[in-house]
Amino acid sequence: MHKVLFSFGHGYSAQALSRLLLPRGWRVIGTTRSMEKAEALRKTGVRPVLFPSVDSPHALYDATHLLISAGPTEAGDPVLNEVRDHIITLAPRLEWVGYLSTTGVYGDHDGGWVDEKTPLTPSTRRGKWRKAAEEDWASIPDLPLHIFRLAGIYGPGRGPFSKVRRGTARRIIKPGQVFSRIHVDDIAQVLDASIARPNPGAAYNLCDDDPAPPQDVIAHAAELLGLPLPPAAPYEAAEMTPMARSFYAENKRVRNNRIKDELGVKLLYPSYRDGLPALLKSELTEVDEH
């Protein structure tokens, strides 16, 4: 039987997973809301489906596996709002379902460690929406659900180098603040490992081994580029978007033991000190090829 991944909100992380699955003969169906993005997905080998549309439920019934990347809003989970009845019908036939959540569901721990057994006490609006969405998906009978709580994502096209090069990067200083992060290729390999070893009901933290102050990451990027250290800016006075500032409202270190112990994952990039040099090398290689 052919494996078919139906991916709701086929964005950055889902595309990284499809790059692993497609060469093995998987079919990947990915939703998007724009014709332009649909055509871009088609060129990668993914069958695009506009969402929501009359075709979405029809294509969904081909799936053996589901991946949900679409984020919730105040109105709830957009996928369940549109196709809950179809998901309920399909649930017993699915082999694996992955829901991409966020470590924001743990809330603030004043720099302390959290793991998958830590109670979910989000303090931000987005974190509360995510917690509600996790619970909503978990309420569906017979659904082989796996929840993946992602730290800050970086990778090709999502790194600090462009801001450092432009001279717009700032080292935001908030004493004691740390963030966990995860390279997109490590997200893909964790999802792939979970598909190979399903454990319905499990939750996994997806992060590297090195929760670190954000200013250290910016400084390391500048060092790799051979550029001056970006200026420091106190958190209280720094110009930031409301969303960026909300990230600083919570401070925690996230444990990732479960992906290693249960799924046998060995991180490709266990620290930003591994990920950033690799990212820079790939950027320079891409420039040379063009």
Protein backbone atom coordinates (compact mmCIF):
# COMPACT_ATOMS: atom_id res chain seq x y z
CA MET A 1 0.00 0.00 0.00
CA HIS A 2 1.31 3.42 -0.94
CA LYS A 3 2.00 5.84 1.90
CA VAL A 4 0.23 9.17 1.50
CA LEU A 5 0.91 12.17 3.73
CA PHE A 6 -1.82 14.79 3.81
CA SER A 7 -0.29 17.97 5.18
CA PHE A 8 -2.52 20.78 6.43
CA GLY A 9 -0.66 24.08 6.11
CA HIS A 10 2.24 22.75 4.05
CA GLY A 11 4.82 25.29 5.13
CA TYR A 12 8.46 25.42 6.17
CA SER A 13 8.65 22.37 8.48
CA ALA A 14 6.26 20.23 6.42
CA GLN A 15 8.29 20.90 3.28
CA ALA A 16 11.42 19.70 5.06
CA LEU A 17 9.64 16.42 5.91
CA SER A 18 8.38 15.99 2.35
CA ARG A 19 11.98 16.28 1.09
CA LEU A 20 12.68 13.09 3.05
CA LEU A 21 9.52 11.24 2.07
CA LEU A 22 9.14 11.97 -1.65
CA PRO A 23 12.37 10.22 -2.76
CA ARG A 24 11.11 7.06 -1.00
CA GLY A 25 7.97 6.91 -3.11
CA TRP A 26 5.57 8.62 -0.74
CA ARG A 27 2.79 10.74 -2.14
CA VAL A 28 2.47 14.09 -0.39
CA ILE A 29 -0.65 16.25 -0.58
CA GLY A 30 -0.24 19.72 0.90
CA THR A 31 -2.76 22.46 1.52
CA THR A 32 -2.19 26.12 0.88
CA ARG A 33 -4.40 29.18 0.62
CA SER A 34 -2.84 30.76 -2.48
CA MET A 35 -2.57 29.74 -6.13
CA GLU A 36 1.00 31.05 -6.26
CA LYS A 37 2.12 28.84 -3.37
CA ALA A 38 0.20 25.93 -4.88
CA GLU A 39 2.25 26.16 -8.04
CA ALA A 40 5.48 26.36 -6.01
CA LEU A 41 4.49 23.19 -4.12
CA ARG A 42 3.68 21.39 -7.37
CA LYS A 43 7.21 22.04 -8.63
CA THR A 44 8.63 20.23 -5.57
CA GLY A 45 6.57 17.10 -6.25
CA VAL A 46 3.81 17.86 -3.74
CA ARG A 47 0.20 17.72 -4.91
CA PRO A 48 -1.28 21.07 -3.83
CA VAL A 49 -4.83 21.46 -2.55
CA LEU A 50 -6.37 24.85 -1.88
CA PHE A 51 -7.80 25.09 1.64
CA PRO A 52 -10.58 25.41 2.40
CA SER A 53 -12.15 24.14 -0.82
CA VAL A 54 -14.51 21.44 -1.98
CA ASP A 55 -11.49 19.35 -2.98
CA SER A 56 -9.95 19.29 0.49
CA PRO A 57 -12.15 16.57 2.05
CA HIS A 58 -12.05 14.47 -1.14
CA ALA A 59 -8.23 14.45 -1.26
CA LEU A 60 -8.08 13.81 2.48
CA TYR A 61 -9.52 10.31 2.06
CA ASP A 62 -6.39 9.19 0.20
CA ALA A 63 -4.28 9.80 3.32
CA THR A 64 -2.54 7.18 5.42
CA HIS A 65 -0.77 9.86 7.49
CA LEU A 66 -1.74 13.39 8.53
CA LEU A 67 0.46 16.36 9.47
CA ILE A 68 -1.11 19.51 10.90
CA SER A 69 1.02 22.66 10.77
CA ALA A 70 -1.76 25.23 10.51
CA GLY A 71 -1.82 27.43 13.59
CA PRO A 72 -4.93 28.06 15.67
CA THR A 73 -6.59 31.42 16.26
CA GLU A 74 -9.07 32.76 18.76
CA ALA A 75 -11.70 30.95 16.69
CA GLY A 76 -10.01 27.60 17.29
CA ASP A 77 -8.15 25.16 15.09
CA PRO A 78 -8.79 26.04 11.42
CA VAL A 79 -8.55 22.44 10.24
CA LEU A 80 -11.04 21.05 12.73
CA ASN A 81 -13.33 24.03 12.13
CA GLU A 82 -13.53 23.03 8.46
CA VAL A 83 -13.23 19.25 8.29
CA ARG A 84 -13.72 17.81 11.79
CA ASP A 85 -16.40 15.36 10.65
CA HIS A 86 -14.12 14.03 7.90
CA ILE A 87 -11.24 13.63 10.37
CA ILE A 88 -13.52 11.70 12.74
CA THR A 89 -14.61 9.39 9.91
CA LEU A 90 -11.06 8.84 8.70
CA ALA A 91 -9.43 8.43 12.14
CA PRO A 92 -9.57 4.61 12.48
CA ARG A 93 -7.90 4.17 9.07
CA LEU A 94 -4.97 6.50 9.68
CA GLU A 95 -1.57 5.09 10.64
CA TRP A 96 -0.12 8.28 12.11
CA VAL A 97 -1.15 11.88 12.83
CA GLY A 98 1.31 14.60 13.79
CA TYR A 99 0.29 17.94 15.27
CA LEU A 100 2.94 20.68 15.31
CA SER A 101 2.49 22.68 18.50
CA THR A 102 4.89 24.92 20.41
CA THR A 103 6.89 24.86 23.63
CA GLY A 104 4.92 28.01 24.46
CA VAL A 105 2.25 25.73 25.96
CA TYR A 106 4.49 25.28 29.04
CA GLY A 107 4.38 28.97 29.95
CA ASP A 108 7.02 30.78 31.99
CA HIS A 109 9.39 28.84 34.27
CA ASP A 110 11.85 31.62 35.10
CA GLY A 111 14.64 29.88 33.21
CA GLY A 112 13.92 26.45 34.72
CA TRP A 113 13.75 23.16 32.85
CA VAL A 114 10.56 21.66 31.40
CA ASP A 115 9.82 18.29 29.83
CA GLU A 116 6.79 16.56 28.35
CA LYS A 117 5.39 15.83 31.82
CA THR A 118 5.42 19.48 32.85
CA PRO A 119 1.87 20.85 33.28
CA LEU A 120 0.71 23.12 30.46
CA THR A 121 0.35 26.63 31.87
CA PRO A 122 0.69 29.04 28.93
CA SER A 123 0.59 32.73 29.72
CA THR A 124 0.49 34.18 26.20
CA ARG A 125 -2.57 34.33 24.00
CA ARG A 126 -0.93 32.20 21.29
CA GLY A 127 0.19 29.62 23.86
CA LYS A 128 -3.35 29.31 25.20
CA TRP A 129 -4.69 28.81 21.66
CA ARG A 130 -2.13 26.06 21.10
CA LYS A 131 -3.04 24.28 24.33
CA ALA A 132 -6.71 24.39 23.37
CA ALA A 133 -5.91 23.05 19.89
CA GLU A 134 -3.84 20.18 21.33
CA GLU A 135 -6.80 19.23 23.53
CA ASP A 136 -9.22 19.55 20.63
CA TRP A 137 -7.23 17.15 18.45
CA ALA A 138 -6.71 14.76 21.38
CA SER A 139 -10.48 14.56 21.92
CA ILE A 140 -11.07 12.76 18.60
CA PRO A 141 -11.66 9.02 19.19
CA ASP A 142 -9.27 6.51 17.58
CA LEU A 143 -7.00 9.22 16.18
CA PRO A 144 -3.32 8.06 16.32
CA LEU A 145 -2.20 11.50 17.46
CA HIS A 146 1.39 12.56 18.18
CA ILE A 147 2.04 16.07 19.45
CA PHE A 148 5.31 17.82 18.64
CA ARG A 149 6.12 20.93 20.69
CA LEU A 150 8.54 22.98 18.65
CA ALA A 151 11.04 25.51 19.96
CA GLY A 152 12.15 28.47 17.81
CA ILE A 153 12.74 27.26 14.25
CA TYR A 154 15.72 28.23 12.12
CA GLY A 155 17.23 26.91 8.90
CA PRO A 156 17.71 27.90 5.26
CA GLY A 157 16.09 31.29 4.71
CA ARG A 158 15.41 31.64 8.44
CA GLY A 159 18.65 32.58 10.09
CA PRO A 160 20.20 35.69 11.65
CA PHE A 161 22.70 36.32 8.86
CA SER A 162 20.61 38.64 6.68
CA LYS A 163 19.91 41.04 9.55
CA VAL A 164 23.55 41.01 10.61
CA ARG A 165 24.66 41.72 7.04
CA ARG A 166 22.15 44.57 6.69
CA GLY A 167 23.27 46.08 9.97
CA THR A 168 19.75 45.86 11.42
CA ALA A 169 20.48 43.11 13.97
CA ARG A 170 20.38 44.01 17.66
CA ARG A 171 21.47 42.02 20.66
CA ILE A 172 18.39 42.29 22.87
CA ILE A 173 19.56 42.03 26.46
CA LYS A 174 17.19 40.68 29.09
CA PRO A 175 19.23 39.28 32.00
CA GLY A 176 18.67 35.56 32.53
CA GLN A 177 16.60 35.13 29.36
CA VAL A 178 17.22 31.99 27.29
CA PHE A 179 15.48 30.41 24.32
CA SER A 180 15.50 26.89 23.00
CA ARG A 181 15.69 26.45 19.22
CA ILE A 182 15.59 23.71 16.59
CA HIS A 183 16.94 23.39 13.05
CA VAL A 184 14.25 22.57 10.49
CA ASP A 185 16.17 19.49 9.31
CA ASP A 186 16.05 18.13 12.86
CA ILE A 187 12.30 18.71 12.93
CA ALA A 188 12.02 16.66 9.74
CA GLN A 189 14.11 13.78 11.08
CA VAL A 190 12.11 13.63 14.34
CA LEU A 191 8.82 13.48 12.43
CA ASP A 192 10.28 10.81 10.16
CA ALA A 193 11.43 8.77 13.17
CA SER A 194 8.00 9.05 14.77
CA ILE A 195 6.31 7.85 11.58
CA ALA A 196 8.60 4.81 11.69
CA ARG A 197 7.81 4.20 15.39
CA PRO A 198 4.24 5.33 16.04
CA ASN A 199 3.22 5.82 19.66
CA PRO A 200 -0.27 7.36 19.66
CA GLY A 201 -0.86 9.74 22.53
CA ALA A 202 2.80 10.71 22.83
CA ALA A 203 4.06 14.28 23.04
CA TYR A 204 7.62 15.25 22.10
CA ASN A 205 9.68 18.37 22.68
CA LEU A 206 11.60 19.36 19.56
CA CYS A 207 14.59 21.47 20.50
CA ASP A 208 18.37 21.26 20.52
CA ASP A 209 20.66 20.65 23.51
CA ASP A 210 21.67 24.26 24.03
CA PRO A 211 19.10 26.76 25.33
CA ALA A 212 20.95 30.05 25.05
CA PRO A 213 20.56 33.81 25.39
CA PRO A 214 19.41 35.27 22.05
CA GLN A 215 22.19 37.86 22.09
CA ASP A 216 24.76 35.06 22.04
CA VAL A 217 23.28 33.66 18.84
CA ILE A 218 23.43 37.05 17.13
CA ALA A 219 27.00 37.56 18.31
CA HIS A 220 28.03 34.15 16.95
CA ALA A 221 26.44 34.94 13.58
CA ALA A 222 28.41 38.19 13.37
CA GLU A 223 31.60 36.35 14.30
CA LEU A 224 31.05 33.78 11.55
CA LEU A 225 30.50 36.58 9.02
CA GLY A 226 33.56 38.47 10.22
CA LEU A 227 31.39 41.53 10.91
CA PRO A 228 31.29 43.85 13.91
CA LEU A 229 29.30 42.82 16.97
CA PRO A 230 25.75 44.21 16.60
CA PRO A 231 24.86 46.84 19.19
CA ALA A 232 23.23 45.82 22.45
CA ALA A 233 19.74 47.06 23.30
CA PRO A 234 18.08 46.68 26.70
CA TYR A 235 14.86 44.66 26.41
CA GLU A 236 12.80 47.41 28.02
CA ALA A 237 13.85 50.01 25.45
CA ALA A 238 14.23 47.81 22.36
CA GLU A 239 12.01 48.34 19.33
CA MET A 240 10.16 45.05 18.82
CA THR A 241 6.94 43.82 17.30
CA PRO A 242 4.27 42.75 19.80
CA MET A 243 4.79 39.13 18.75
CA ALA A 244 8.57 39.33 19.25
CA ARG A 245 8.09 40.94 22.64
CA SER A 246 5.64 38.21 23.64
CA PHE A 247 8.39 35.60 23.22
CA TYR A 248 10.38 37.34 25.95
CA ALA A 249 7.42 37.09 28.34
CA GLU A 250 8.33 33.45 28.98
CA ASN A 251 11.68 32.01 29.96
CA LYS A 252 12.44 28.28 30.12
CA ARG A 253 14.89 25.57 29.18
CA VAL A 254 13.34 22.66 27.29
CA ARG A 255 14.47 19.05 27.64
CA ASN A 256 14.59 16.87 24.53
CA ASN A 257 15.46 13.47 26.07
CA ARG A 258 12.33 11.76 24.76
CA ILE A 259 13.15 12.17 21.05
CA LYS A 260 16.53 10.56 21.74
CA ASP A 261 15.49 7.81 24.13
CA GLU A 262 12.23 6.78 22.44
CA LEU A 263 12.81 7.63 18.78
CA GLY A 264 16.56 7.10 18.62
CA VAL A 265 17.15 10.55 17.16
CA LYS A 266 20.67 11.94 17.00
CA LEU A 267 20.43 15.66 16.37
CA LEU A 268 22.13 16.94 13.25
CA TYR A 269 22.58 20.31 14.94
CA PRO A 270 22.71 19.92 18.75
CA SER A 271 23.56 23.61 19.18
CA TYR A 272 23.32 26.85 17.25
CA ARG A 273 27.12 26.61 17.20
CA ASP A 274 26.67 23.60 14.89
CA GLY A 275 23.66 24.88 12.97
CA LEU A 276 24.79 28.39 12.09
CA PRO A 277 28.09 27.42 10.41
CA ALA A 278 26.26 24.77 8.37
CA LEU A 279 23.60 27.30 7.43
CA LEU A 280 26.20 29.84 6.32
CA LYS A 281 28.05 27.22 4.30
CA SER A 282 24.84 26.24 2.48
CA GLU A 283 24.06 29.90 1.73
CA LEU A 284 27.52 30.47 0.28
CA THR A 285 27.30 27.25 -1.77
CA GLU A 286 23.94 28.34 -3.19
CA VAL A 287 25.41 31.73 -4.19
CA ASP A 288 28.36 30.02 -5.92
CA GLU A 289 26.03 27.73 -7.85
CA HIS A 290 24.15 30.70 -9.21
